[in-house]
Amino acid sequence: MRFFALKGSEQLGAAVAQVLSIELDPHEERDFEDGEHKARPLVSVRGRDVYVLHSLAGSGSASANDRLCKLLFFLATCKENGAARATAVVPYLAYARKDRQTKARDPVTTRYVAQLFEAMGTDRIVTLDVHNFAAFQNAFRCESVHLDTRKLFAPLIGKLAGDLPVTIFSPDGGGVKRAQLLKEVLEAESDKEIGFGFMEKRRSRNVVSGELFAGDVVDNAVFIVDDMISTGGTMLRAALACRERGARTVHAIATHGLFGKGAEMLFGSQAIDRITVTDSVDSAALAKARHPQAPLDILPIGRLIGKAIRRLHTPGSISDLIGIDD
């Protein structure tokens, strides 16, 4: 096996390598003054099972486009130099939000990105809590592996809720299935009945609307669950609605903490008791450093990814790892 982590994902890569009991393999990355870049492995990959980790959330140091191109070119370089198999480990997959046409002449960017990976000779892609699971599976023709964080967040929810009854809440209709799956895990592990709720959200030309609210949250510990937090507007809107309807405590849970412009309002709001994300993207740690007083917790994801890579290389069961029933 060869395991590489590209620039911007080194910290997560080191955590994964530790789980695998290996060292990160060395590679070179060079940026040119005109914005072009090159990257290459500094060890032989011929005949090897190669894994390349890179999260594709844009930040101040590199855009999502930069990160995507660098990952694509590095995977192609590995295949060009004889890798037996090249697996892209992409904890946060960019452009997964635009997976269907909702307006005339809309792009279907998820499919375009899939075609780029396949054109580079990528044999397999591994991602974590993608925005739309069905669209992800349908977009890729190479092997696709989807990991989720249900079992990671379940113990935390029990700890934060204490003795209060729990409600799992989706901030929009698109996340209902994700919230329901987490609810099922909690009920199986706690042997308690878990409440469920969601609210309506429609977005058109960046204007959010929708007032439908379903679920009983009175005197409950409410956990609003989503795949990502970008500006935090969706989470804050749902949290305020839950507070207005009598929630005792409100917690925001998401896998990917992007925390773009506007997230300061989320950090400063009294409507949310705690915000918990994973370290799938480096922007979560940067937000924590910029806002040390924010009620923000970051859960490590390296162990889950490391176990998945080990099972893929061995091979072993991914379904067993993430708790999918046979």
C-alpha atoms as a PDB file:
ATOM      1  CA  MET A   1       0.000   0.000   0.000  1.00  0.00           C
ATOM      2  CA  ARG A   2       0.988   3.598  -0.640  1.00  0.00           C
ATOM      3  CA  PHE A   3      -0.794   6.373   1.261  1.00  0.00           C
ATOM      4  CA  PHE A   4      -0.471  10.063   0.397  1.00  0.00           C
ATOM      5  CA  ALA A   5      -2.130  13.165   1.867  1.00  0.00           C
ATOM      6  CA  LEU A   6      -1.957  16.309  -0.258  1.00  0.00           C
ATOM      7  CA  LYS A   7      -1.243  19.809   1.020  1.00  0.00           C
ATOM      8  CA  GLY A   8      -4.101  21.079   3.180  1.00  0.00           C
ATOM      9  CA  SER A   9      -5.050  17.591   4.314  1.00  0.00           C
ATOM     10  CA  GLU A  10      -1.793  16.584   6.002  1.00  0.00           C
ATOM     11  CA  GLN A  11      -3.132  16.716   9.562  1.00  0.00           C
ATOM     12  CA  LEU A  12      -6.038  14.409   8.819  1.00  0.00           C
ATOM     13  CA  GLY A  13      -3.736  12.249   6.720  1.00  0.00           C
ATOM     14  CA  ALA A  14      -1.314  11.860   9.633  1.00  0.00           C
ATOM     15  CA  ALA A  15      -4.176  10.773  11.902  1.00  0.00           C
ATOM     16  CA  VAL A  16      -5.293   8.181   9.351  1.00  0.00           C
ATOM     17  CA  ALA A  17      -1.724   6.925   8.883  1.00  0.00           C
ATOM     18  CA  GLN A  18      -1.424   6.455  12.644  1.00  0.00           C
ATOM     19  CA  VAL A  19      -4.533   4.263  12.644  1.00  0.00           C
ATOM     20  CA  LEU A  20      -3.017   2.235   9.792  1.00  0.00           C
ATOM     21  CA  SER A  21       0.330   1.987  11.679  1.00  0.00           C
ATOM     22  CA  ILE A  22       2.192   3.387   8.665  1.00  0.00           C
ATOM     23  CA  GLU A  23       3.944   6.613   7.698  1.00  0.00           C
ATOM     24  CA  LEU A  24       2.598   9.011   5.112  1.00  0.00           C
ATOM     25  CA  ASP A  25       4.437   8.415   1.855  1.00  0.00           C
ATOM     26  CA  PRO A  26       6.487  11.405   0.665  1.00  0.00           C
ATOM     27  CA  HIS A  27       5.465  13.468  -2.319  1.00  0.00           C
ATOM     28  CA  GLU A  28       6.354  16.804  -3.911  1.00  0.00           C
ATOM     29  CA  GLU A  29       4.003  19.712  -4.593  1.00  0.00           C
ATOM     30  CA  ARG A  30       5.126  22.793  -6.494  1.00  0.00           C
ATOM     31  CA  ASP A  31       3.095  25.933  -7.166  1.00  0.00           C
ATOM     32  CA  PHE A  32       4.051  28.172 -10.080  1.00  0.00           C
ATOM     33  CA  GLU A  33       3.674  31.944 -10.107  1.00  0.00           C
ATOM     34  CA  ASP A  34       0.905  31.862 -12.726  1.00  0.00           C
ATOM     35  CA  GLY A  35      -1.282  29.625 -10.560  1.00  0.00           C
ATOM     36  CA  GLU A  36      -0.400  26.280 -12.132  1.00  0.00           C
ATOM     37  CA  HIS A  37       0.910  23.481  -9.967  1.00  0.00           C
ATOM     38  CA  LYS A  38       2.394  20.020 -10.130  1.00  0.00           C
ATOM     39  CA  ALA A  39       2.560  17.142  -7.696  1.00  0.00           C
ATOM     40  CA  ARG A  40       4.293  13.771  -7.853  1.00  0.00           C
ATOM     41  CA  PRO A  41       5.007  10.831  -5.555  1.00  0.00           C
ATOM     42  CA  LEU A  42       8.606  10.578  -4.339  1.00  0.00           C
ATOM     43  CA  VAL A  43       8.428   6.786  -3.979  1.00  0.00           C
ATOM     44  CA  SER A  44       7.613   4.114  -6.532  1.00  0.00           C
ATOM     45  CA  VAL A  45       3.911   3.344  -6.943  1.00  0.00           C
ATOM     46  CA  ARG A  46       4.321   0.639  -9.602  1.00  0.00           C
ATOM     47  CA  GLY A  47       2.143  -2.343  -8.842  1.00  0.00           C
ATOM     48  CA  ARG A  48       0.931  -0.777  -5.575  1.00  0.00           C
ATOM     49  CA  ASP A  49      -2.504  -0.198  -4.079  1.00  0.00           C
ATOM     50  CA  VAL A  50      -2.438   3.618  -3.821  1.00  0.00           C
ATOM     51  CA  TYR A  51      -4.664   5.782  -1.579  1.00  0.00           C
ATOM     52  CA  VAL A  52      -4.639   9.577  -1.919  1.00  0.00           C
ATOM     53  CA  LEU A  53      -6.429  11.646   0.728  1.00  0.00           C
ATOM     54  CA  HIS A  54      -7.538  15.186   0.036  1.00  0.00           C
ATOM     55  CA  SER A  55     -10.591  17.132   1.239  1.00  0.00           C
ATOM     56  CA  LEU A  56     -11.950  19.506  -1.368  1.00  0.00           C
ATOM     57  CA  ALA A  57     -13.348  22.371   0.707  1.00  0.00           C
ATOM     58  CA  GLY A  58     -11.958  25.683  -0.475  1.00  0.00           C
ATOM     59  CA  SER A  59     -10.121  27.946   1.958  1.00  0.00           C
ATOM     60  CA  GLY A  60      -7.965  31.060   1.877  1.00  0.00           C
ATOM     61  CA  SER A  61      -4.916  29.092   0.768  1.00  0.00           C
ATOM     62  CA  ALA A  62      -6.567  27.106  -2.033  1.00  0.00           C
ATOM     63  CA  SER A  63      -9.926  27.110  -3.761  1.00  0.00           C
ATOM     64  CA  ALA A  64     -12.069  24.026  -4.254  1.00  0.00           C
ATOM     65  CA  ASN A  65     -11.020  24.129  -7.916  1.00  0.00           C
ATOM     66  CA  ASP A  66      -7.318  24.156  -7.003  1.00  0.00           C
ATOM     67  CA  ARG A  67      -7.724  21.217  -4.656  1.00  0.00           C
ATOM     68  CA  LEU A  68      -9.808  19.246  -7.106  1.00  0.00           C
ATOM     69  CA  CYS A  69      -7.334  19.706  -9.952  1.00  0.00           C
ATOM     70  CA  LYS A  70      -4.358  18.807  -7.788  1.00  0.00           C
ATOM     71  CA  LEU A  71      -6.045  15.628  -6.592  1.00  0.00           C
ATOM     72  CA  LEU A  72      -7.097  14.644 -10.109  1.00  0.00           C
ATOM     73  CA  PHE A  73      -3.628  15.207 -11.519  1.00  0.00           C
ATOM     74  CA  PHE A  74      -1.955  13.317  -8.675  1.00  0.00           C
ATOM     75  CA  LEU A  75      -4.239  10.307  -9.169  1.00  0.00           C
ATOM     76  CA  ALA A  76      -3.512  10.364 -12.905  1.00  0.00           C
ATOM     77  CA  THR A  77       0.229  10.585 -12.197  1.00  0.00           C
ATOM     78  CA  CYS A  78       0.032   7.499  -9.982  1.00  0.00           C
ATOM     79  CA  LYS A  79      -1.785   5.568 -12.703  1.00  0.00           C
ATOM     80  CA  GLU A  80       0.654   6.857 -15.331  1.00  0.00           C
ATOM     81  CA  ASN A  81       3.499   5.453 -13.265  1.00  0.00           C
ATOM     82  CA  GLY A  82       2.080   1.979 -12.868  1.00  0.00           C
ATOM     83  CA  ALA A  83      -0.160   2.001  -9.776  1.00  0.00           C
ATOM     84  CA  ALA A  84      -2.216  -1.178  -9.744  1.00  0.00           C
ATOM     85  CA  ARG A  85      -5.143   0.678  -8.209  1.00  0.00           C
ATOM     86  CA  ALA A  86      -5.717   4.324  -7.291  1.00  0.00           C
ATOM     87  CA  THR A  87      -8.286   5.222  -4.641  1.00  0.00           C
ATOM     88  CA  ALA A  88      -9.311   8.828  -4.007  1.00  0.00           C
ATOM     89  CA  VAL A  89     -10.148   9.351  -0.328  1.00  0.00           C
ATOM     90  CA  VAL A  90     -12.189  12.564  -0.349  1.00  0.00           C
ATOM     91  CA  PRO A  91     -13.759  13.240   3.071  1.00  0.00           C
ATOM     92  CA  TYR A  92     -15.496  16.349   1.722  1.00  0.00           C
ATOM     93  CA  LEU A  93     -16.482  16.061  -1.941  1.00  0.00           C
ATOM     94  CA  ALA A  94     -16.803  19.445  -3.627  1.00  0.00           C
ATOM     95  CA  TYR A  95     -19.686  20.220  -5.991  1.00  0.00           C
ATOM     96  CA  ALA A  96     -21.934  17.554  -4.454  1.00  0.00           C
ATOM     97  CA  ARG A  97     -24.631  20.136  -3.734  1.00  0.00           C
ATOM     98  CA  LYS A  98     -25.571  20.595  -7.389  1.00  0.00           C
ATOM     99  CA  ASP A  99     -26.743  17.092  -8.249  1.00  0.00           C
ATOM    100  CA  ARG A 100     -29.833  17.822 -10.376  1.00  0.00           C
ATOM    101  CA  GLN A 101     -31.443  20.527 -12.474  1.00  0.00           C
ATOM    102  CA  THR A 102     -33.793  22.735 -10.491  1.00  0.00           C
ATOM    103  CA  LYS A 103     -33.910  25.589 -13.026  1.00  0.00           C
ATOM    104  CA  ALA A 104     -33.709  25.773 -16.794  1.00  0.00           C
ATOM    105  CA  ARG A 105     -30.182  25.069 -18.121  1.00  0.00           C
ATOM    106  CA  ASP A 106     -28.812  24.222 -14.663  1.00  0.00           C
ATOM    107  CA  PRO A 107     -25.561  22.224 -14.525  1.00  0.00           C
ATOM    108  CA  VAL A 108     -25.433  18.765 -12.964  1.00  0.00           C
ATOM    109  CA  THR A 109     -22.018  19.323 -11.445  1.00  0.00           C
ATOM    110  CA  THR A 110     -21.885  16.160  -9.353  1.00  0.00           C
ATOM    111  CA  ARG A 111     -21.916  14.078 -12.537  1.00  0.00           C
ATOM    112  CA  TYR A 112     -19.282  16.259 -14.208  1.00  0.00           C
ATOM    113  CA  VAL A 113     -16.925  15.826 -11.261  1.00  0.00           C
ATOM    114  CA  ALA A 114     -17.484  12.064 -11.363  1.00  0.00           C
ATOM    115  CA  GLN A 115     -16.529  12.023 -15.036  1.00  0.00           C
ATOM    116  CA  LEU A 116     -13.312  13.903 -14.241  1.00  0.00           C
ATOM    117  CA  PHE A 117     -12.273  11.328 -11.630  1.00  0.00           C
ATOM    118  CA  GLU A 118     -13.028   8.489 -14.022  1.00  0.00           C
ATOM    119  CA  ALA A 119     -11.118  10.186 -16.858  1.00  0.00           C
ATOM    120  CA  MET A 120      -8.017  10.248 -14.636  1.00  0.00           C
ATOM    121  CA  GLY A 121      -8.231   6.477 -14.224  1.00  0.00           C
ATOM    122  CA  THR A 122      -9.470   6.548 -10.628  1.00  0.00           C
ATOM    123  CA  ASP A 123     -10.484   3.033  -9.606  1.00  0.00           C
ATOM    124  CA  ARG A 124     -12.415   3.930  -6.472  1.00  0.00           C
ATOM    125  CA  ILE A 125     -13.629   6.990  -4.586  1.00  0.00           C
ATOM    126  CA  VAL A 126     -14.271   7.079  -0.845  1.00  0.00           C
ATOM    127  CA  THR A 127     -16.195   9.959   0.667  1.00  0.00           C
ATOM    128  CA  LEU A 128     -17.884  10.867   3.927  1.00  0.00           C
ATOM    129  CA  ASP A 129     -21.513  11.984   4.444  1.00  0.00           C
ATOM    130  CA  VAL A 130     -21.967  13.299   0.935  1.00  0.00           C
ATOM    131  CA  HIS A 131     -24.733  15.841   0.373  1.00  0.00           C
ATOM    132  CA  ASN A 132     -26.988  13.468  -1.584  1.00  0.00           C
ATOM    133  CA  PHE A 133     -26.163   9.781  -1.202  1.00  0.00           C
ATOM    134  CA  ALA A 134     -28.339   8.573  -4.088  1.00  0.00           C
ATOM    135  CA  ALA A 135     -26.943  11.181  -6.488  1.00  0.00           C
ATOM    136  CA  PHE A 136     -23.391  10.263  -5.461  1.00  0.00           C
ATOM    137  CA  GLN A 137     -23.950   6.569  -6.160  1.00  0.00           C
ATOM    138  CA  ASN A 138     -25.634   7.267  -9.486  1.00  0.00           C
ATOM    139  CA  ALA A 139     -23.004   9.748 -10.685  1.00  0.00           C
ATOM    140  CA  PHE A 140     -19.951   7.488 -10.431  1.00  0.00           C
ATOM    141  CA  ARG A 141     -19.246   4.514 -12.685  1.00  0.00           C
ATOM    142  CA  CYS A 142     -16.093   3.557 -10.789  1.00  0.00           C
ATOM    143  CA  GLU A 143     -16.440   1.913  -7.381  1.00  0.00           C
ATOM    144  CA  SER A 144     -17.881   4.342  -4.829  1.00  0.00           C
ATOM    145  CA  VAL A 145     -17.692   3.933  -1.054  1.00  0.00           C
ATOM    146  CA  HIS A 146     -19.770   6.110   1.253  1.00  0.00           C
ATOM    147  CA  LEU A 147     -18.937   6.404   4.941  1.00  0.00           C
ATOM    148  CA  ASP A 148     -21.236   8.052   7.464  1.00  0.00           C
ATOM    149  CA  THR A 149     -20.872   9.363  10.989  1.00  0.00           C
ATOM    150  CA  ARG A 150     -24.003   8.022  12.681  1.00  0.00           C
ATOM    151  CA  LYS A 151     -22.084   5.797  15.074  1.00  0.00           C
ATOM    152  CA  LEU A 152     -19.570   8.571  15.770  1.00  0.00           C
ATOM    153  CA  PHE A 153     -22.201  11.101  16.845  1.00  0.00           C
ATOM    154  CA  ALA A 154     -24.506   8.733  18.751  1.00  0.00           C
ATOM    155  CA  PRO A 155     -22.499   8.629  22.051  1.00  0.00           C
ATOM    156  CA  LEU A 156     -22.067  12.407  21.989  1.00  0.00           C
ATOM    157  CA  ILE A 157     -25.815  12.958  21.638  1.00  0.00           C
ATOM    158  CA  GLY A 158     -26.501  10.802  24.687  1.00  0.00           C
ATOM    159  CA  LYS A 159     -23.931  12.748  26.701  1.00  0.00           C
ATOM    160  CA  LEU A 160     -25.204  16.195  25.691  1.00  0.00           C
ATOM    161  CA  ALA A 161     -28.860  15.304  26.194  1.00  0.00           C
ATOM    162  CA  GLY A 162     -28.419  14.057  29.763  1.00  0.00           C
ATOM    163  CA  ASP A 163     -31.809  13.122  31.202  1.00  0.00           C
ATOM    164  CA  LEU A 164     -33.818  15.140  28.673  1.00  0.00           C
ATOM    165  CA  PRO A 165     -35.889  13.414  25.979  1.00  0.00           C
ATOM    166  CA  VAL A 166     -34.161  13.632  22.596  1.00  0.00           C
ATOM    167  CA  THR A 167     -35.486  14.845  19.254  1.00  0.00           C
ATOM    168  CA  ILE A 168     -33.473  14.472  16.058  1.00  0.00           C
ATOM    169  CA  PHE A 169     -34.352  17.322  13.716  1.00  0.00           C
ATOM    170  CA  SER A 170     -33.679  17.947  10.034  1.00  0.00           C
ATOM    171  CA  PRO A 171     -33.397  21.635   9.070  1.00  0.00           C
ATOM    172  CA  ASP A 172     -34.863  20.942   5.630  1.00  0.00           C
ATOM    173  CA  GLY A 173     -36.725  18.295   3.672  1.00  0.00           C
ATOM    174  CA  GLY A 174     -33.609  17.130   1.845  1.00  0.00           C
ATOM    175  CA  GLY A 175     -32.004  15.927   5.063  1.00  0.00           C
ATOM    176  CA  VAL A 176     -34.960  13.930   6.401  1.00  0.00           C
ATOM    177  CA  LYS A 177     -33.486  10.539   5.491  1.00  0.00           C
ATOM    178  CA  ARG A 178     -30.152  11.422   7.112  1.00  0.00           C
ATOM    179  CA  ALA A 179     -31.909  12.421  10.327  1.00  0.00           C
ATOM    180  CA  GLN A 180     -34.105   9.322  10.309  1.00  0.00           C
ATOM    181  CA  LEU A 181     -31.078   7.022  10.015  1.00  0.00           C
ATOM    182  CA  LEU A 182     -29.416   8.721  12.984  1.00  0.00           C
ATOM    183  CA  LYS A 183     -32.655   8.386  14.948  1.00  0.00           C
ATOM    184  CA  GLU A 184     -32.699   4.642  14.251  1.00  0.00           C
ATOM    185  CA  VAL A 185     -29.123   4.216  15.462  1.00  0.00           C
ATOM    186  CA  LEU A 186     -29.870   6.108  18.680  1.00  0.00           C
ATOM    187  CA  GLU A 187     -32.961   4.014  19.368  1.00  0.00           C
ATOM    188  CA  ALA A 188     -31.044   0.788  18.755  1.00  0.00           C
ATOM    189  CA  GLU A 189     -28.166   1.779  21.030  1.00  0.00           C
ATOM    190  CA  SER A 190     -30.159   3.428  23.842  1.00  0.00           C
ATOM    191  CA  ASP A 191     -33.318   1.316  23.746  1.00  0.00           C
ATOM    192  CA  LYS A 192     -35.272   4.584  24.144  1.00  0.00           C
ATOM    193  CA  GLU A 193     -37.827   6.248  21.949  1.00  0.00           C
ATOM    194  CA  ILE A 194     -36.308   9.179  20.063  1.00  0.00           C
ATOM    195  CA  GLY A 195     -38.390  12.034  18.716  1.00  0.00           C
ATOM    196  CA  PHE A 196     -38.160  13.293  15.155  1.00  0.00           C
ATOM    197  CA  GLY A 197     -38.922  16.548  13.373  1.00  0.00           C
ATOM    198  CA  PHE A 198     -38.123  18.672  10.352  1.00  0.00           C
ATOM    199  CA  MET A 199     -38.967  21.992   8.802  1.00  0.00           C
ATOM    200  CA  GLU A 200     -39.601  23.186   5.303  1.00  0.00           C
ATOM    201  CA  LYS A 201     -36.948  25.114   3.416  1.00  0.00           C
ATOM    202  CA  ARG A 202     -37.087  26.355  -0.155  1.00  0.00           C
ATOM    203  CA  ARG A 203     -34.272  28.318  -1.731  1.00  0.00           C
ATOM    204  CA  SER A 204     -34.739  30.322  -4.923  1.00  0.00           C
ATOM    205  CA  ARG A 205     -32.238  32.911  -6.129  1.00  0.00           C
ATOM    206  CA  ASN A 206     -30.612  32.709  -2.692  1.00  0.00           C
ATOM    207  CA  VAL A 207     -33.877  33.620  -0.927  1.00  0.00           C
ATOM    208  CA  VAL A 208     -34.945  31.063   1.701  1.00  0.00           C
ATOM    209  CA  SER A 209     -38.627  30.508   2.464  1.00  0.00           C
ATOM    210  CA  GLY A 210     -40.958  27.884   3.963  1.00  0.00           C
ATOM    211  CA  GLU A 211     -42.767  27.867   7.307  1.00  0.00           C
ATOM    212  CA  LEU A 212     -43.891  24.258   7.777  1.00  0.00           C
ATOM    213  CA  PHE A 213     -42.627  22.824  11.086  1.00  0.00           C
ATOM    214  CA  ALA A 214     -43.237  19.164  11.982  1.00  0.00           C
ATOM    215  CA  GLY A 215     -42.423  17.544  15.326  1.00  0.00           C
ATOM    216  CA  ASP A 216     -42.862  18.051  19.061  1.00  0.00           C
ATOM    217  CA  VAL A 217     -39.789  19.664  20.629  1.00  0.00           C
ATOM    218  CA  VAL A 218     -41.279  21.039  23.878  1.00  0.00           C
ATOM    219  CA  ASP A 219     -38.850  20.488  26.792  1.00  0.00           C
ATOM    220  CA  ASN A 220     -36.652  18.283  24.588  1.00  0.00           C
ATOM    221  CA  ALA A 221     -32.967  18.267  23.803  1.00  0.00           C
ATOM    222  CA  VAL A 222     -33.062  18.930  20.063  1.00  0.00           C
ATOM    223  CA  PHE A 223     -30.211  17.888  17.771  1.00  0.00           C
ATOM    224  CA  ILE A 224     -30.322  19.549  14.360  1.00  0.00           C
ATOM    225  CA  VAL A 225     -28.465  17.297  11.933  1.00  0.00           C
ATOM    226  CA  ASP A 226     -27.025  18.178   8.535  1.00  0.00           C
ATOM    227  CA  ASP A 227     -24.160  17.051   6.314  1.00  0.00           C
ATOM    228  CA  MET A 228     -22.441  20.443   6.373  1.00  0.00           C
ATOM    229  CA  ILE A 229     -22.474  23.903   7.898  1.00  0.00           C
ATOM    230  CA  SER A 230     -21.484  26.589   5.413  1.00  0.00           C
ATOM    231  CA  THR A 231     -22.648  30.055   6.494  1.00  0.00           C
ATOM    232  CA  GLY A 232     -24.752  28.543   9.282  1.00  0.00           C
ATOM    233  CA  GLY A 233     -27.951  30.214   8.116  1.00  0.00           C
ATOM    234  CA  THR A 234     -29.889  26.968   7.727  1.00  0.00           C
ATOM    235  CA  MET A 235     -28.871  25.734  11.172  1.00  0.00           C
ATOM    236  CA  LEU A 236     -29.641  29.051  12.848  1.00  0.00           C
ATOM    237  CA  ARG A 237     -33.058  29.283  11.179  1.00  0.00           C
ATOM    238  CA  ALA A 238     -33.970  25.803  12.438  1.00  0.00           C
ATOM    239  CA  ALA A 239     -32.575  26.478  15.917  1.00  0.00           C
ATOM    240  CA  LEU A 240     -34.638  29.645  16.335  1.00  0.00           C
ATOM    241  CA  ALA A 241     -37.761  27.791  15.206  1.00  0.00           C
ATOM    242  CA  CYS A 242     -37.127  25.030  17.757  1.00  0.00           C
ATOM    243  CA  ARG A 243     -36.566  27.549  20.555  1.00  0.00           C
ATOM    244  CA  GLU A 244     -39.800  29.345  19.695  1.00  0.00           C
ATOM    245  CA  ARG A 245     -41.630  26.041  20.067  1.00  0.00           C
ATOM    246  CA  GLY A 246     -40.264  25.249  23.501  1.00  0.00           C
ATOM    247  CA  ALA A 247     -37.050  23.261  23.016  1.00  0.00           C
ATOM    248  CA  ARG A 248     -35.074  23.067  26.266  1.00  0.00           C
ATOM    249  CA  THR A 249     -31.665  22.772  24.581  1.00  0.00           C
ATOM    250  CA  VAL A 250     -30.631  22.940  20.916  1.00  0.00           C
ATOM    251  CA  HIS A 251     -27.472  21.440  19.436  1.00  0.00           C
ATOM    252  CA  ALA A 252     -26.161  21.649  15.868  1.00  0.00           C
ATOM    253  CA  ILE A 253     -24.429  18.574  14.450  1.00  0.00           C
ATOM    254  CA  ALA A 254     -22.804  18.311  11.025  1.00  0.00           C
ATOM    255  CA  THR A 255     -20.009  16.285   9.514  1.00  0.00           C
ATOM    256  CA  HIS A 256     -18.345  19.055   7.521  1.00  0.00           C
ATOM    257  CA  GLY A 257     -17.686  22.413   9.178  1.00  0.00           C
ATOM    258  CA  LEU A 258     -16.990  24.723   6.242  1.00  0.00           C
ATOM    259  CA  PHE A 259     -17.771  27.906   8.225  1.00  0.00           C
ATOM    260  CA  GLY A 260     -17.677  30.423   5.427  1.00  0.00           C
ATOM    261  CA  LYS A 261     -18.565  34.095   5.502  1.00  0.00           C
ATOM    262  CA  GLY A 262     -21.482  34.721   7.853  1.00  0.00           C
ATOM    263  CA  ALA A 263     -20.773  31.860  10.263  1.00  0.00           C
ATOM    264  CA  GLU A 264     -19.981  34.423  12.976  1.00  0.00           C
ATOM    265  CA  MET A 265     -23.737  34.858  13.510  1.00  0.00           C
ATOM    266  CA  LEU A 266     -24.049  31.150  14.243  1.00  0.00           C
ATOM    267  CA  PHE A 267     -21.183  31.224  16.754  1.00  0.00           C
ATOM    268  CA  GLY A 268     -22.639  34.230  18.545  1.00  0.00           C
ATOM    269  CA  SER A 269     -26.249  33.083  18.727  1.00  0.00           C
ATOM    270  CA  GLN A 270     -27.839  32.155  22.053  1.00  0.00           C
ATOM    271  CA  ALA A 271     -30.246  29.829  20.225  1.00  0.00           C
ATOM    272  CA  ILE A 272     -27.639  27.043  19.938  1.00  0.00           C
ATOM    273  CA  ASP A 273     -25.988  25.457  22.963  1.00  0.00           C
ATOM    274  CA  ARG A 274     -23.246  23.490  21.181  1.00  0.00           C
ATOM    275  CA  ILE A 275     -22.038  23.051  17.608  1.00  0.00           C
ATOM    276  CA  THR A 276     -20.240  19.810  16.769  1.00  0.00           C
ATOM    277  CA  VAL A 277     -18.488  18.940  13.520  1.00  0.00           C
ATOM    278  CA  THR A 278     -15.668  16.590  12.515  1.00  0.00           C
ATOM    279  CA  ASP A 279     -12.168  17.422  11.316  1.00  0.00           C
ATOM    280  CA  SER A 280     -13.014  16.325   7.759  1.00  0.00           C
ATOM    281  CA  VAL A 281     -11.952  19.774   6.522  1.00  0.00           C
ATOM    282  CA  ASP A 282      -9.236  22.062   7.888  1.00  0.00           C
ATOM    283  CA  SER A 283     -11.601  25.051   7.997  1.00  0.00           C
ATOM    284  CA  ALA A 284     -13.180  23.677  11.197  1.00  0.00           C
ATOM    285  CA  ALA A 285      -9.907  24.001  13.119  1.00  0.00           C
ATOM    286  CA  LEU A 286      -9.311  27.449  11.593  1.00  0.00           C
ATOM    287  CA  ALA A 287     -12.766  28.587  12.742  1.00  0.00           C
ATOM    288  CA  LYS A 288     -12.061  27.274  16.236  1.00  0.00           C
ATOM    289  CA  ALA A 289      -8.808  29.232  16.347  1.00  0.00           C
ATOM    290  CA  ARG A 290     -10.464  32.444  15.095  1.00  0.00           C
ATOM    291  CA  HIS A 291     -13.416  32.135  17.473  1.00  0.00           C
ATOM    292  CA  PRO A 292     -12.039  30.553  20.675  1.00  0.00           C
ATOM    293  CA  GLN A 293     -15.175  31.464  22.636  1.00  0.00           C
ATOM    294  CA  ALA A 294     -17.522  29.766  20.164  1.00  0.00           C
ATOM    295  CA  PRO A 295     -19.384  26.701  21.515  1.00  0.00           C
ATOM    296  CA  LEU A 296     -17.661  24.582  18.851  1.00  0.00           C
ATOM    297  CA  ASP A 297     -16.424  21.017  19.299  1.00  0.00           C
ATOM    298  CA  ILE A 298     -14.486  19.023  16.697  1.00  0.00           C
ATOM    299  CA  LEU A 299     -14.624  15.236  16.609  1.00  0.00           C
ATOM    300  CA  PRO A 300     -11.724  13.357  14.971  1.00  0.00           C
ATOM    301  CA  ILE A 301     -12.632  11.310  11.911  1.00  0.00           C
ATOM    302  CA  GLY A 302      -9.228   9.729  11.225  1.00  0.00           C
ATOM    303  CA  ARG A 303     -10.047   6.459  12.973  1.00  0.00           C
ATOM    304  CA  LEU A 304     -13.118   5.811  10.805  1.00  0.00           C
ATOM    305  CA  ILE A 305     -11.249   6.594   7.582  1.00  0.00           C
ATOM    306  CA  GLY A 306      -8.237   4.526   8.633  1.00  0.00           C
ATOM    307  CA  LYS A 307     -10.400   1.513   9.419  1.00  0.00           C
ATOM    308  CA  ALA A 308     -12.160   1.890   6.067  1.00  0.00           C
ATOM    309  CA  ILE A 309      -8.869   1.995   4.142  1.00  0.00           C
ATOM    310  CA  ARG A 310      -7.612  -1.085   5.979  1.00  0.00           C
ATOM    311  CA  ARG A 311     -10.773  -2.986   5.062  1.00  0.00           C
ATOM    312  CA  LEU A 312     -10.595  -1.881   1.442  1.00  0.00           C
ATOM    313  CA  HIS A 313      -6.961  -2.961   1.163  1.00  0.00           C
ATOM    314  CA  THR A 314      -7.365  -6.296   2.983  1.00  0.00           C
ATOM    315  CA  PRO A 315     -10.266  -6.538   1.871  1.00  0.00           C
ATOM    316  CA  GLY A 316     -12.911  -6.471   4.585  1.00  0.00           C
ATOM    317  CA  SER A 317     -16.497  -5.402   5.145  1.00  0.00           C
ATOM    318  CA  ILE A 318     -17.350  -1.699   4.917  1.00  0.00           C
ATOM    319  CA  SER A 319     -21.006  -2.424   5.703  1.00  0.00           C
ATOM    320  CA  ASP A 320     -20.004  -3.946   9.014  1.00  0.00           C
ATOM    321  CA  LEU A 321     -17.809  -0.947   9.809  1.00  0.00           C
ATOM    322  CA  ILE A 322     -20.561   1.645   9.400  1.00  0.00           C
ATOM    323  CA  GLY A 323     -23.372  -0.536  10.681  1.00  0.00           C
ATOM    324  CA  ILE A 324     -25.409  -1.258   7.543  1.00  0.00           C
ATOM    325  CA  ASP A 325     -27.654  -4.295   8.041  1.00  0.00           C
ATOM    326  CA  ASP A 326     -27.272  -7.303   5.738  1.00  0.00           C
END
